[in-house]
Amino acid sequence: PCAMAQIAEKAEELNATKVITFTEENNIPALKGSKRAGFVPFITRRERWRLFRKKTTFTPLPPDTPYSFE
């Protein structure tokens, strides 16, 4: 939670309008820290390995998507 708050504070200092952080879907403490820091679910990242090659895909989430622990 502290790290997420520090990221959010640094973004404010830099006048960043968007910050993206990725957290494992089953890491509930990190997700709760993200929520407390003001982050909202925005996109999902999926990584697949096939024959020693990694493929990463991103899927946008609908607006107002709740956290997985809610």
Protein backbone atom coordinates (compact mmCIF):
# COMPACT_ATOMS: atom_id res chain seq x y z
CA PRO A 1 0.00 0.00 0.00
CA CYS A 2 2.80 2.41 0.82
CA ALA A 3 4.42 1.90 -2.58
CA MET A 4 1.14 2.59 -4.38
CA ALA A 5 0.65 5.78 -2.38
CA GLN A 6 4.20 6.89 -3.23
CA ILE A 7 3.53 6.26 -6.94
CA ALA A 8 0.34 8.32 -6.77
CA GLU A 9 2.12 11.15 -4.93
CA LYS A 10 4.97 11.21 -7.46
CA ALA A 11 2.45 11.31 -10.32
CA GLU A 12 0.85 14.38 -8.73
CA GLU A 13 4.25 16.05 -8.37
CA LEU A 14 4.95 15.46 -12.06
CA ASN A 15 1.44 16.59 -13.07
CA ALA A 16 0.86 13.21 -14.69
CA THR A 17 -2.71 12.74 -15.86
CA LYS A 18 -2.50 8.95 -16.03
CA VAL A 19 -0.47 6.27 -14.27
CA ILE A 20 -0.78 2.57 -15.04
CA THR A 21 0.33 -0.14 -12.66
CA PHE A 22 -0.20 -3.87 -13.03
CA THR A 23 -1.09 -6.11 -10.10
CA GLU A 24 -1.82 -9.81 -10.11
CA GLU A 25 -5.55 -10.44 -9.94
CA ASN A 26 -5.22 -12.74 -6.94
CA ASN A 27 -2.96 -10.37 -4.92
CA ILE A 28 -5.72 -8.90 -2.77
CA PRO A 29 -3.48 -6.83 -0.43
CA ALA A 30 -1.84 -5.09 -3.42
CA LEU A 31 -5.23 -4.50 -5.04
CA LYS A 32 -6.56 -2.95 -1.82
CA GLY A 33 -3.49 -0.73 -1.65
CA SER A 34 -4.07 0.31 -5.26
CA LYS A 35 -7.66 1.21 -4.47
CA ARG A 36 -6.64 3.25 -1.40
CA ALA A 37 -4.10 5.12 -3.55
CA GLY A 38 -6.84 6.07 -6.02
CA PHE A 39 -6.17 3.61 -8.83
CA VAL A 40 -9.14 2.11 -10.68
CA PRO A 41 -9.35 -1.03 -12.85
CA PHE A 42 -8.64 0.03 -16.43
CA ILE A 43 -7.10 -2.78 -18.47
CA THR A 44 -6.15 -6.43 -18.06
CA ARG A 45 -2.82 -7.86 -19.13
CA ARG A 46 -2.52 -11.50 -20.14
CA GLU A 47 0.78 -13.23 -20.76
CA ARG A 48 1.03 -16.50 -22.63
CA TRP A 49 4.10 -18.59 -23.30
CA ARG A 50 4.38 -20.83 -26.33
CA LEU A 51 7.60 -22.44 -27.48
CA PHE A 52 9.70 -20.12 -25.31
CA ARG A 53 8.04 -17.01 -26.70
CA LYS A 54 5.94 -14.71 -24.59
CA LYS A 55 2.86 -13.07 -26.02
CA THR A 56 1.27 -10.25 -24.05
CA THR A 57 -2.24 -8.99 -24.76
CA PHE A 58 -4.14 -6.11 -23.22
CA THR A 59 -7.91 -5.92 -22.93
CA PRO A 60 -9.68 -2.70 -21.92
CA LEU A 61 -12.24 -2.99 -19.13
CA PRO A 62 -15.65 -1.31 -19.19
CA PRO A 63 -15.92 1.91 -17.16
CA ASP A 64 -16.73 1.45 -13.46
CA THR A 65 -15.42 -2.13 -13.39
CA PRO A 66 -15.20 -3.17 -9.71
CA TYR A 67 -12.11 -4.68 -8.15
CA SER A 68 -12.04 -8.49 -8.05
CA PHE A 69 -12.27 -8.52 -4.22
CA GLU A 70 -15.46 -6.45 -4.12
